[in-house]
Amino acid sequence: MFQPPDILALAYKQPVMQDEMVLLQEKERQIPGSVQYFIRRYNRNPQWNMDDTGMMVYHFKKGAPKENYLELKFCVTGNVYCNQKEADCGDCRRNSIRDCVNRVPTIDVLSFRFSNLHLAQFARSSRPDNTLTDDILNFRHPSSFAKILSICGRSSMVLEALLNHTYNDSLENIYVNAQTQMLLLYSLECMLGDKDVESFQCKFLTNENDREKIVRSREILLQHIGEPITIKELSRKVAINECYLKKGFKELFGTTIFDFYQSQRMEHARYLLYEKGLSVTEVSMMLGYSSISHFSTAFKKHTGLKPCELLFQPR
């Protein structure tokens, strides 16, 4: 099964631990006959350096038209969220936004999924001069792909409008439907700016079996948090060339195998130390380190704290 990259990992350029994300607001809706979407707003950690990122996911399954869809995903930063409605917030009413204690910086993740039936109304019927857009809207493009999109000024305005509108009920459906049509238009224009629809730089990733091997390698790494595994051993387990494994992993998940593995180990170490109350020696041994000093160095590089210093952090 086609597995697109995680939009948060692409924006952050490394895997994101969901337990680090503080959810402020979540909305998931299905507009009848139109688009299925969700919006999740998270509290932004000031130490995180994320880029605004967009992605188009074209999912095609031959012989199963009901499973075909086009999805637009975005991760945007620089916005703020007020935990009160503006009408009820005194600071917002007085326009003293800088002094408003209810407003917090956010990381916003948005997804808009269009079905094949909905998109078909915009495409021309089969003709010799059909464009790439028509092939996609009609789901005639023969393989699934994920395409990284630039977020232009027009798209940014639409995304901001979707985050901050005040419509409800039927009016909200009408508004969101209109805005998502514009977002689809701008995204298709962006996609057509690159002749290479297959966004994978590693051409072997266009093969679904090879992509599944890369995804499987990530699962194996997570299963071996306490038992270090070499890239050579990992490549044998998933039956793929070492070079392909390293390049494919970096492209699919936006990080190297080593950085991903270290990040997961250190997050697990933080959990064992902080939540489970294990000693530094115990955690070091559980994660397979040959010495406490090596573990301490790796932990500080990832978290900015020595393992012993973590124990003094407020819970």
C-alpha atoms as a PDB file:
ATOM      1  CA  MET A   1       0.000   0.000   0.000  1.00  0.00           C
ATOM      2  CA  PHE A   2       1.274   3.480  -0.906  1.00  0.00           C
ATOM      3  CA  GLN A   3       2.569   5.246   2.220  1.00  0.00           C
ATOM      4  CA  PRO A   4       3.153   9.011   1.764  1.00  0.00           C
ATOM      5  CA  PRO A   5       5.675  10.849   3.963  1.00  0.00           C
ATOM      6  CA  ASP A   6       4.454  12.364   7.224  1.00  0.00           C
ATOM      7  CA  ILE A   7       3.847  16.094   6.728  1.00  0.00           C
ATOM      8  CA  LEU A   8       5.047  16.961  10.235  1.00  0.00           C
ATOM      9  CA  ALA A   9       8.287  15.027   9.740  1.00  0.00           C
ATOM     10  CA  LEU A  10       8.854  16.830   6.435  1.00  0.00           C
ATOM     11  CA  ALA A  11       8.302  20.233   8.051  1.00  0.00           C
ATOM     12  CA  TYR A  12      10.494  19.410  11.059  1.00  0.00           C
ATOM     13  CA  LYS A  13      13.086  17.489   8.967  1.00  0.00           C
ATOM     14  CA  GLN A  14      13.067  14.678  11.541  1.00  0.00           C
ATOM     15  CA  PRO A  15      10.509  12.357  13.139  1.00  0.00           C
ATOM     16  CA  VAL A  16       8.057  14.041  15.497  1.00  0.00           C
ATOM     17  CA  MET A  17       7.037  12.321  18.731  1.00  0.00           C
ATOM     18  CA  GLN A  18       3.285  12.666  19.070  1.00  0.00           C
ATOM     19  CA  ASP A  19       3.479  12.684  22.861  1.00  0.00           C
ATOM     20  CA  GLU A  20       5.455  15.931  22.581  1.00  0.00           C
ATOM     21  CA  MET A  21       2.613  17.633  20.715  1.00  0.00           C
ATOM     22  CA  VAL A  22       0.076  19.525  22.830  1.00  0.00           C
ATOM     23  CA  LEU A  23      -3.222  19.569  20.919  1.00  0.00           C
ATOM     24  CA  LEU A  24      -5.093  22.886  21.253  1.00  0.00           C
ATOM     25  CA  GLN A  25      -7.904  22.392  18.768  1.00  0.00           C
ATOM     26  CA  GLU A  26      -9.127  19.630  16.496  1.00  0.00           C
ATOM     27  CA  LYS A  27     -11.810  19.693  13.827  1.00  0.00           C
ATOM     28  CA  GLU A  28     -12.758  16.911  11.428  1.00  0.00           C
ATOM     29  CA  ARG A  29     -15.632  17.237   8.969  1.00  0.00           C
ATOM     30  CA  GLN A  30     -17.103  15.708   5.838  1.00  0.00           C
ATOM     31  CA  ILE A  31     -18.879  18.142   3.526  1.00  0.00           C
ATOM     32  CA  PRO A  32     -21.469  16.063   1.632  1.00  0.00           C
ATOM     33  CA  GLY A  33     -20.445  15.556  -1.994  1.00  0.00           C
ATOM     34  CA  SER A  34     -17.330  17.654  -1.573  1.00  0.00           C
ATOM     35  CA  VAL A  35     -14.291  17.340   0.681  1.00  0.00           C
ATOM     36  CA  GLN A  36     -13.325  15.501   3.842  1.00  0.00           C
ATOM     37  CA  TYR A  37     -10.960  17.537   5.986  1.00  0.00           C
ATOM     38  CA  PHE A  38      -9.310  17.856   9.368  1.00  0.00           C
ATOM     39  CA  ILE A  39      -7.527  20.710  11.103  1.00  0.00           C
ATOM     40  CA  ARG A  40      -5.288  20.119  14.109  1.00  0.00           C
ATOM     41  CA  ARG A  41      -3.662  23.001  15.956  1.00  0.00           C
ATOM     42  CA  TYR A  42      -0.758  22.292  18.296  1.00  0.00           C
ATOM     43  CA  ASN A  43       1.077  24.450  20.799  1.00  0.00           C
ATOM     44  CA  ARG A  44       4.384  25.389  19.194  1.00  0.00           C
ATOM     45  CA  ASN A  45       7.550  24.696  21.140  1.00  0.00           C
ATOM     46  CA  PRO A  46       9.799  27.770  20.621  1.00  0.00           C
ATOM     47  CA  GLN A  47      12.816  25.458  20.235  1.00  0.00           C
ATOM     48  CA  TRP A  48      11.312  23.731  17.200  1.00  0.00           C
ATOM     49  CA  ASN A  49      12.440  24.964  13.814  1.00  0.00           C
ATOM     50  CA  MET A  50       9.768  24.056  11.284  1.00  0.00           C
ATOM     51  CA  ASP A  51       9.264  25.171   7.690  1.00  0.00           C
ATOM     52  CA  ASP A  52       5.856  25.765   6.136  1.00  0.00           C
ATOM     53  CA  THR A  53       5.323  22.667   4.007  1.00  0.00           C
ATOM     54  CA  GLY A  54       2.690  21.469   1.555  1.00  0.00           C
ATOM     55  CA  MET A  55       2.170  18.110  -0.102  1.00  0.00           C
ATOM     56  CA  MET A  56      -0.176  16.636  -2.677  1.00  0.00           C
ATOM     57  CA  VAL A  57      -0.935  12.920  -2.345  1.00  0.00           C
ATOM     58  CA  TYR A  58      -2.414  11.130  -5.348  1.00  0.00           C
ATOM     59  CA  HIS A  59      -3.666   7.689  -4.346  1.00  0.00           C
ATOM     60  CA  PHE A  60      -4.504   5.349  -7.204  1.00  0.00           C
ATOM     61  CA  LYS A  61      -5.529   1.723  -6.957  1.00  0.00           C
ATOM     62  CA  LYS A  62      -6.203  -0.023 -10.234  1.00  0.00           C
ATOM     63  CA  GLY A  63      -9.574  -1.744 -10.347  1.00  0.00           C
ATOM     64  CA  ALA A  64     -10.776  -0.075  -7.137  1.00  0.00           C
ATOM     65  CA  PRO A  65     -12.048   3.403  -8.116  1.00  0.00           C
ATOM     66  CA  LYS A  66     -13.785   3.960  -4.765  1.00  0.00           C
ATOM     67  CA  GLU A  67     -10.365   3.903  -3.067  1.00  0.00           C
ATOM     68  CA  ASN A  68      -8.906   6.607  -5.314  1.00  0.00           C
ATOM     69  CA  TYR A  69      -8.477  10.075  -3.854  1.00  0.00           C
ATOM     70  CA  LEU A  70      -6.451  13.273  -4.043  1.00  0.00           C
ATOM     71  CA  GLU A  71      -5.308  14.778  -0.759  1.00  0.00           C
ATOM     72  CA  LEU A  72      -3.716  18.132   0.050  1.00  0.00           C
ATOM     73  CA  LYS A  73      -1.705  18.296   3.277  1.00  0.00           C
ATOM     74  CA  PHE A  74      -0.169  21.356   4.892  1.00  0.00           C
ATOM     75  CA  CYS A  75       1.894  22.158   7.960  1.00  0.00           C
ATOM     76  CA  VAL A  76       2.078  25.888   8.691  1.00  0.00           C
ATOM     77  CA  THR A  77       3.596  27.924  11.508  1.00  0.00           C
ATOM     78  CA  GLY A  78       3.510  31.546  12.569  1.00  0.00           C
ATOM     79  CA  ASN A  79      -0.170  31.595  13.541  1.00  0.00           C
ATOM     80  CA  VAL A  80      -1.688  32.055  16.987  1.00  0.00           C
ATOM     81  CA  TYR A  81      -4.626  30.395  18.697  1.00  0.00           C
ATOM     82  CA  CYS A  82      -6.923  32.036  21.238  1.00  0.00           C
ATOM     83  CA  ASN A  83      -8.622  29.585  23.581  1.00  0.00           C
ATOM     84  CA  GLN A  84     -11.577  31.949  23.830  1.00  0.00           C
ATOM     85  CA  LYS A  85     -13.836  33.172  21.074  1.00  0.00           C
ATOM     86  CA  GLU A  86     -12.806  36.654  19.977  1.00  0.00           C
ATOM     87  CA  ALA A  87     -16.212  37.989  20.962  1.00  0.00           C
ATOM     88  CA  ASP A  88     -15.605  36.767  24.515  1.00  0.00           C
ATOM     89  CA  CYS A  89     -11.962  37.806  24.774  1.00  0.00           C
ATOM     90  CA  GLY A  90     -11.473  41.273  26.262  1.00  0.00           C
ATOM     91  CA  ASP A  91      -7.987  41.700  24.820  1.00  0.00           C
ATOM     92  CA  CYS A  92      -9.171  40.759  21.330  1.00  0.00           C
ATOM     93  CA  ARG A  93     -12.076  43.216  21.581  1.00  0.00           C
ATOM     94  CA  ARG A  94      -9.659  45.956  22.617  1.00  0.00           C
ATOM     95  CA  ASN A  95      -7.212  44.916  19.866  1.00  0.00           C
ATOM     96  CA  SER A  96      -4.490  44.539  22.496  1.00  0.00           C
ATOM     97  CA  ILE A  97      -3.418  41.230  21.015  1.00  0.00           C
ATOM     98  CA  ARG A  98       0.173  41.444  22.274  1.00  0.00           C
ATOM     99  CA  ASP A  99      -1.100  41.496  25.852  1.00  0.00           C
ATOM    100  CA  CYS A 100      -3.600  38.667  25.410  1.00  0.00           C
ATOM    101  CA  VAL A 101      -2.677  35.760  27.687  1.00  0.00           C
ATOM    102  CA  ASN A 102      -5.103  33.447  25.872  1.00  0.00           C
ATOM    103  CA  ARG A 103      -3.217  33.507  22.574  1.00  0.00           C
ATOM    104  CA  VAL A 104      -0.417  30.991  21.973  1.00  0.00           C
ATOM    105  CA  PRO A 105       1.815  30.331  18.922  1.00  0.00           C
ATOM    106  CA  THR A 106       0.805  27.256  16.946  1.00  0.00           C
ATOM    107  CA  ILE A 107       1.815  24.576  14.508  1.00  0.00           C
ATOM    108  CA  ASP A 108      -1.189  23.898  12.305  1.00  0.00           C
ATOM    109  CA  VAL A 109      -1.719  20.687  10.338  1.00  0.00           C
ATOM    110  CA  LEU A 110      -4.455  20.655   7.709  1.00  0.00           C
ATOM    111  CA  SER A 111      -5.639  17.911   5.367  1.00  0.00           C
ATOM    112  CA  PHE A 112      -8.207  18.054   2.556  1.00  0.00           C
ATOM    113  CA  ARG A 113      -9.213  14.846   0.808  1.00  0.00           C
ATOM    114  CA  PHE A 114     -11.157  14.882  -2.482  1.00  0.00           C
ATOM    115  CA  SER A 115     -12.876  11.759  -3.803  1.00  0.00           C
ATOM    116  CA  ASN A 116     -12.690  10.623  -7.419  1.00  0.00           C
ATOM    117  CA  LEU A 117     -16.397  11.381  -7.956  1.00  0.00           C
ATOM    118  CA  HIS A 118     -16.040  14.930  -6.703  1.00  0.00           C
ATOM    119  CA  LEU A 119     -12.992  15.670  -8.861  1.00  0.00           C
ATOM    120  CA  ALA A 120     -14.511  14.166 -11.995  1.00  0.00           C
ATOM    121  CA  GLN A 121     -16.885  17.135 -12.336  1.00  0.00           C
ATOM    122  CA  PHE A 122     -13.923  19.448 -13.000  1.00  0.00           C
ATOM    123  CA  ALA A 123     -12.156  17.321 -15.626  1.00  0.00           C
ATOM    124  CA  ARG A 124     -12.722  17.093 -19.340  1.00  0.00           C
ATOM    125  CA  SER A 125     -13.723  13.771 -20.811  1.00  0.00           C
ATOM    126  CA  SER A 126     -11.131  11.633 -22.558  1.00  0.00           C
ATOM    127  CA  ARG A 127      -9.566  13.533 -25.450  1.00  0.00           C
ATOM    128  CA  PRO A 128      -6.213  13.238 -27.245  1.00  0.00           C
ATOM    129  CA  ASP A 129      -5.062  16.632 -25.991  1.00  0.00           C
ATOM    130  CA  ASN A 130      -5.896  16.006 -22.334  1.00  0.00           C
ATOM    131  CA  THR A 131      -3.459  17.564 -19.898  1.00  0.00           C
ATOM    132  CA  LEU A 132      -1.761  16.099 -16.854  1.00  0.00           C
ATOM    133  CA  THR A 133      -4.390  17.865 -14.748  1.00  0.00           C
ATOM    134  CA  ASP A 134      -7.168  15.992 -16.534  1.00  0.00           C
ATOM    135  CA  ASP A 135      -5.370  12.679 -16.073  1.00  0.00           C
ATOM    136  CA  ILE A 136      -5.126  13.299 -12.352  1.00  0.00           C
ATOM    137  CA  LEU A 137      -8.662  14.588 -11.909  1.00  0.00           C
ATOM    138  CA  ASN A 138      -9.954  11.584 -13.876  1.00  0.00           C
ATOM    139  CA  PHE A 139      -7.554   9.219 -12.048  1.00  0.00           C
ATOM    140  CA  ARG A 140      -5.930   8.037 -15.250  1.00  0.00           C
ATOM    141  CA  HIS A 141      -2.389   8.637 -13.992  1.00  0.00           C
ATOM    142  CA  PRO A 142      -1.142   5.045 -13.571  1.00  0.00           C
ATOM    143  CA  SER A 143       0.615   5.204 -10.172  1.00  0.00           C
ATOM    144  CA  SER A 144       0.316   6.814  -6.764  1.00  0.00           C
ATOM    145  CA  PHE A 145       2.675   9.644  -5.876  1.00  0.00           C
ATOM    146  CA  ALA A 146       3.407  12.300  -3.262  1.00  0.00           C
ATOM    147  CA  LYS A 147       4.408  15.742  -4.515  1.00  0.00           C
ATOM    148  CA  ILE A 148       5.955  18.406  -2.285  1.00  0.00           C
ATOM    149  CA  LEU A 149       4.264  21.760  -2.892  1.00  0.00           C
ATOM    150  CA  SER A 150       5.507  25.288  -2.398  1.00  0.00           C
ATOM    151  CA  ILE A 151       3.088  27.350  -0.303  1.00  0.00           C
ATOM    152  CA  CYS A 152       2.615  30.533  -2.306  1.00  0.00           C
ATOM    153  CA  GLY A 153       1.120  33.747  -0.964  1.00  0.00           C
ATOM    154  CA  ARG A 154      -2.313  32.889  -2.352  1.00  0.00           C
ATOM    155  CA  SER A 155      -2.329  29.471  -0.676  1.00  0.00           C
ATOM    156  CA  SER A 156      -1.169  31.032   2.600  1.00  0.00           C
ATOM    157  CA  MET A 157      -4.126  33.415   2.538  1.00  0.00           C
ATOM    158  CA  VAL A 158      -6.566  30.558   1.968  1.00  0.00           C
ATOM    159  CA  LEU A 159      -5.052  28.490   4.781  1.00  0.00           C
ATOM    160  CA  GLU A 160      -5.180  31.441   7.159  1.00  0.00           C
ATOM    161  CA  ALA A 161      -8.810  32.038   6.222  1.00  0.00           C
ATOM    162  CA  LEU A 162      -9.681  28.392   6.900  1.00  0.00           C
ATOM    163  CA  LEU A 163      -8.016  28.593  10.307  1.00  0.00           C
ATOM    164  CA  ASN A 164      -9.659  31.829  11.411  1.00  0.00           C
ATOM    165  CA  HIS A 165     -13.155  32.023   9.908  1.00  0.00           C
ATOM    166  CA  THR A 166     -16.202  32.352  12.177  1.00  0.00           C
ATOM    167  CA  TYR A 167     -18.858  30.582  10.092  1.00  0.00           C
ATOM    168  CA  ASN A 168     -20.938  27.744  11.539  1.00  0.00           C
ATOM    169  CA  ASP A 169     -23.200  24.946  10.330  1.00  0.00           C
ATOM    170  CA  SER A 170     -24.315  25.193   6.680  1.00  0.00           C
ATOM    171  CA  LEU A 171     -22.552  28.503   6.113  1.00  0.00           C
ATOM    172  CA  GLU A 172     -19.303  26.903   7.280  1.00  0.00           C
ATOM    173  CA  ASN A 173     -19.753  24.091   4.738  1.00  0.00           C
ATOM    174  CA  ILE A 174     -20.298  26.608   1.942  1.00  0.00           C
ATOM    175  CA  TYR A 175     -17.290  28.674   2.996  1.00  0.00           C
ATOM    176  CA  VAL A 176     -14.904  25.732   3.421  1.00  0.00           C
ATOM    177  CA  ASN A 177     -16.030  24.224   0.114  1.00  0.00           C
ATOM    178  CA  ALA A 178     -15.298  27.509  -1.708  1.00  0.00           C
ATOM    179  CA  GLN A 179     -11.898  27.934  -0.065  1.00  0.00           C
ATOM    180  CA  THR A 180     -10.804  24.360  -0.739  1.00  0.00           C
ATOM    181  CA  GLN A 181     -11.613  24.755  -4.432  1.00  0.00           C
ATOM    182  CA  MET A 182      -9.180  27.679  -4.530  1.00  0.00           C
ATOM    183  CA  LEU A 183      -6.596  25.645  -2.624  1.00  0.00           C
ATOM    184  CA  LEU A 184      -6.989  22.819  -5.146  1.00  0.00           C
ATOM    185  CA  LEU A 185      -6.526  25.269  -8.010  1.00  0.00           C
ATOM    186  CA  TYR A 186      -3.338  26.782  -6.585  1.00  0.00           C
ATOM    187  CA  SER A 187      -1.927  23.345  -5.709  1.00  0.00           C
ATOM    188  CA  LEU A 188      -2.507  21.991  -9.224  1.00  0.00           C
ATOM    189  CA  GLU A 189      -0.853  25.091 -10.672  1.00  0.00           C
ATOM    190  CA  CYS A 190       2.136  24.497  -8.404  1.00  0.00           C
ATOM    191  CA  MET A 191       2.307  20.828  -9.381  1.00  0.00           C
ATOM    192  CA  LEU A 192       2.271  21.669 -13.086  1.00  0.00           C
ATOM    193  CA  GLY A 193       5.290  23.906 -12.545  1.00  0.00           C
ATOM    194  CA  ASP A 194       7.350  20.734 -12.200  1.00  0.00           C
ATOM    195  CA  LYS A 195       7.282  18.311 -15.117  1.00  0.00           C
ATOM    196  CA  ASP A 196       8.300  15.459 -12.852  1.00  0.00           C
ATOM    197  CA  VAL A 197       5.055  14.403 -11.174  1.00  0.00           C
ATOM    198  CA  GLU A 198       6.762  11.572  -9.385  1.00  0.00           C
ATOM    199  CA  SER A 199       8.237  13.559  -6.528  1.00  0.00           C
ATOM    200  CA  PHE A 200      10.589  10.749  -5.545  1.00  0.00           C
ATOM    201  CA  GLN A 201      14.186  11.570  -6.334  1.00  0.00           C
ATOM    202  CA  CYS A 202      14.986   7.891  -5.783  1.00  0.00           C
ATOM    203  CA  LYS A 203      13.286   6.338  -8.786  1.00  0.00           C
ATOM    204  CA  PHE A 204      13.079   2.895  -7.159  1.00  0.00           C
ATOM    205  CA  LEU A 205      10.560   4.367  -4.689  1.00  0.00           C
ATOM    206  CA  THR A 206       7.986   4.498  -7.465  1.00  0.00           C
ATOM    207  CA  ASN A 207       7.813   0.733  -6.952  1.00  0.00           C
ATOM    208  CA  GLU A 208       5.271   0.011  -4.213  1.00  0.00           C
ATOM    209  CA  ASN A 209       7.111  -3.103  -2.991  1.00  0.00           C
ATOM    210  CA  ASP A 210      10.320  -1.144  -2.459  1.00  0.00           C
ATOM    211  CA  ARG A 211       8.461   1.584  -0.586  1.00  0.00           C
ATOM    212  CA  GLU A 212       6.944  -1.053   1.689  1.00  0.00           C
ATOM    213  CA  LYS A 213      10.432  -2.369   2.448  1.00  0.00           C
ATOM    214  CA  ILE A 214      11.542   1.093   3.570  1.00  0.00           C
ATOM    215  CA  VAL A 215       8.444   1.454   5.754  1.00  0.00           C
ATOM    216  CA  ARG A 216       9.103  -1.997   7.193  1.00  0.00           C
ATOM    217  CA  SER A 217      12.681  -1.008   8.037  1.00  0.00           C
ATOM    218  CA  ARG A 218      11.353   1.839  10.184  1.00  0.00           C
ATOM    219  CA  GLU A 219       9.108  -0.593  12.067  1.00  0.00           C
ATOM    220  CA  ILE A 220      12.067  -2.911  12.697  1.00  0.00           C
ATOM    221  CA  LEU A 221      14.139  -0.032  14.076  1.00  0.00           C
ATOM    222  CA  LEU A 222      11.360   0.763  16.537  1.00  0.00           C
ATOM    223  CA  GLN A 223      11.271  -2.891  17.589  1.00  0.00           C
ATOM    224  CA  HIS A 224      15.025  -2.837  18.290  1.00  0.00           C
ATOM    225  CA  ILE A 225      15.256   0.242  20.514  1.00  0.00           C
ATOM    226  CA  GLY A 226      17.166  -1.759  23.136  1.00  0.00           C
ATOM    227  CA  GLU A 227      19.065  -3.958  20.689  1.00  0.00           C
ATOM    228  CA  PRO A 228      21.183  -1.835  18.322  1.00  0.00           C
ATOM    229  CA  ILE A 229      20.979  -3.087  14.752  1.00  0.00           C
ATOM    230  CA  THR A 230      23.393  -2.227  11.950  1.00  0.00           C
ATOM    231  CA  ILE A 231      22.294  -0.951   8.559  1.00  0.00           C
ATOM    232  CA  LYS A 232      23.731  -4.112   7.019  1.00  0.00           C
ATOM    233  CA  GLU A 233      21.541  -6.294   9.254  1.00  0.00           C
ATOM    234  CA  LEU A 234      18.537  -4.070   8.599  1.00  0.00           C
ATOM    235  CA  SER A 235      18.988  -4.269   4.830  1.00  0.00           C
ATOM    236  CA  ARG A 236      19.054  -8.062   5.032  1.00  0.00           C
ATOM    237  CA  LYS A 237      15.875  -8.165   7.099  1.00  0.00           C
ATOM    238  CA  VAL A 238      13.925  -6.146   4.537  1.00  0.00           C
ATOM    239  CA  ALA A 239      15.750  -7.587   1.513  1.00  0.00           C
ATOM    240  CA  ILE A 240      16.936  -4.349  -0.061  1.00  0.00           C
ATOM    241  CA  ASN A 241      20.337  -2.957  -1.036  1.00  0.00           C
ATOM    242  CA  GLU A 242      22.046  -0.918   1.745  1.00  0.00           C
ATOM    243  CA  CYS A 243      22.470   2.110  -0.507  1.00  0.00           C
ATOM    244  CA  TYR A 244      18.796   2.001  -1.551  1.00  0.00           C
ATOM    245  CA  LEU A 245      17.778   1.583   2.076  1.00  0.00           C
ATOM    246  CA  LYS A 246      19.682   4.673   3.244  1.00  0.00           C
ATOM    247  CA  LYS A 247      18.589   6.883   0.350  1.00  0.00           C
ATOM    248  CA  GLY A 248      14.975   5.675   0.403  1.00  0.00           C
ATOM    249  CA  PHE A 249      14.682   6.110   4.172  1.00  0.00           C
ATOM    250  CA  LYS A 250      15.983   9.685   3.978  1.00  0.00           C
ATOM    251  CA  GLU A 251      13.529  10.578   1.223  1.00  0.00           C
ATOM    252  CA  LEU A 252      10.451   8.956   2.746  1.00  0.00           C
ATOM    253  CA  PHE A 253      10.983  10.087   6.334  1.00  0.00           C
ATOM    254  CA  GLY A 254      13.101  13.213   5.951  1.00  0.00           C
ATOM    255  CA  THR A 255      15.937  11.963   8.186  1.00  0.00           C
ATOM    256  CA  THR A 256      18.796   9.491   8.118  1.00  0.00           C
ATOM    257  CA  ILE A 257      18.451   6.029   9.626  1.00  0.00           C
ATOM    258  CA  PHE A 258      20.990   6.881  12.326  1.00  0.00           C
ATOM    259  CA  ASP A 259      19.338  10.180  13.301  1.00  0.00           C
ATOM    260  CA  PHE A 260      15.900   8.583  13.407  1.00  0.00           C
ATOM    261  CA  TYR A 261      17.125   5.665  15.493  1.00  0.00           C
ATOM    262  CA  GLN A 262      19.021   7.906  17.907  1.00  0.00           C
ATOM    263  CA  SER A 263      16.029  10.193  18.266  1.00  0.00           C
ATOM    264  CA  GLN A 264      13.725   7.288  19.100  1.00  0.00           C
ATOM    265  CA  ARG A 265      16.201   5.783  21.567  1.00  0.00           C
ATOM    266  CA  MET A 266      16.680   9.065  23.392  1.00  0.00           C
ATOM    267  CA  GLU A 267      12.943   9.698  23.578  1.00  0.00           C
ATOM    268  CA  HIS A 268      12.517   6.223  25.031  1.00  0.00           C
ATOM    269  CA  ALA A 269      15.351   6.938  27.463  1.00  0.00           C
ATOM    270  CA  ARG A 270      13.648  10.150  28.555  1.00  0.00           C
ATOM    271  CA  TYR A 271      10.447   8.184  29.191  1.00  0.00           C
ATOM    272  CA  LEU A 272      12.256   5.539  31.255  1.00  0.00           C
ATOM    273  CA  LEU A 273      14.115   8.136  33.317  1.00  0.00           C
ATOM    274  CA  TYR A 274      11.393  10.691  33.809  1.00  0.00           C
ATOM    275  CA  GLU A 275       8.206   8.635  33.862  1.00  0.00           C
ATOM    276  CA  LYS A 276       9.378   5.226  35.057  1.00  0.00           C
ATOM    277  CA  GLY A 277      12.004   6.508  37.489  1.00  0.00           C
ATOM    278  CA  LEU A 278      14.775   4.145  36.367  1.00  0.00           C
ATOM    279  CA  SER A 279      18.382   4.998  37.109  1.00  0.00           C
ATOM    280  CA  VAL A 280      20.832   6.271  34.502  1.00  0.00           C
ATOM    281  CA  THR A 281      22.763   3.004  34.777  1.00  0.00           C
ATOM    282  CA  GLU A 282      19.641   0.898  34.204  1.00  0.00           C
ATOM    283  CA  VAL A 283      18.537   2.900  31.163  1.00  0.00           C
ATOM    284  CA  SER A 284      22.029   2.893  29.680  1.00  0.00           C
ATOM    285  CA  MET A 285      22.147  -0.906  29.910  1.00  0.00           C
ATOM    286  CA  MET A 286      18.597  -1.332  28.571  1.00  0.00           C
ATOM    287  CA  LEU A 287      19.475   0.679  25.469  1.00  0.00           C
ATOM    288  CA  GLY A 288      22.606  -1.329  24.819  1.00  0.00           C
ATOM    289  CA  TYR A 289      25.253   1.299  25.578  1.00  0.00           C
ATOM    290  CA  SER A 290      28.733   0.048  26.449  1.00  0.00           C
ATOM    291  CA  SER A 291      29.305   2.878  28.940  1.00  0.00           C
ATOM    292  CA  ILE A 292      27.268   5.413  30.885  1.00  0.00           C
ATOM    293  CA  SER A 293      29.389   8.270  29.530  1.00  0.00           C
ATOM    294  CA  HIS A 294      28.523   7.368  25.914  1.00  0.00           C
ATOM    295  CA  PHE A 295      24.839   7.262  26.816  1.00  0.00           C
ATOM    296  CA  SER A 296      25.049  10.560  28.704  1.00  0.00           C
ATOM    297  CA  THR A 297      26.748  12.273  25.746  1.00  0.00           C
ATOM    298  CA  ALA A 298      24.123  11.015  23.281  1.00  0.00           C
ATOM    299  CA  PHE A 299      21.277  11.990  25.617  1.00  0.00           C
ATOM    300  CA  LYS A 300      22.572  15.538  26.122  1.00  0.00           C
ATOM    301  CA  LYS A 301      23.092  15.988  22.374  1.00  0.00           C
ATOM    302  CA  HIS A 302      19.435  15.107  21.774  1.00  0.00           C
ATOM    303  CA  THR A 303      17.731  16.789  24.759  1.00  0.00           C
ATOM    304  CA  GLY A 304      20.188  19.484  25.834  1.00  0.00           C
ATOM    305  CA  LEU A 305      20.302  17.953  29.321  1.00  0.00           C
ATOM    306  CA  LYS A 306      22.409  15.347  31.015  1.00  0.00           C
ATOM    307  CA  PRO A 307      20.345  12.322  32.151  1.00  0.00           C
ATOM    308  CA  CYS A 308      20.834  13.251  35.824  1.00  0.00           C
ATOM    309  CA  GLU A 309      19.660  16.828  35.134  1.00  0.00           C
ATOM    310  CA  LEU A 310      16.372  15.560  33.707  1.00  0.00           C
ATOM    311  CA  LEU A 311      15.391  14.197  37.114  1.00  0.00           C
ATOM    312  CA  PHE A 312      15.313  17.750  38.509  1.00  0.00           C
ATOM    313  CA  GLN A 313      12.943  19.046  35.836  1.00  0.00           C
ATOM    314  CA  PRO A 314       9.400  19.966  37.087  1.00  0.00           C
ATOM    315  CA  ARG A 315       6.719  17.415  36.252  1.00  0.00           C
END
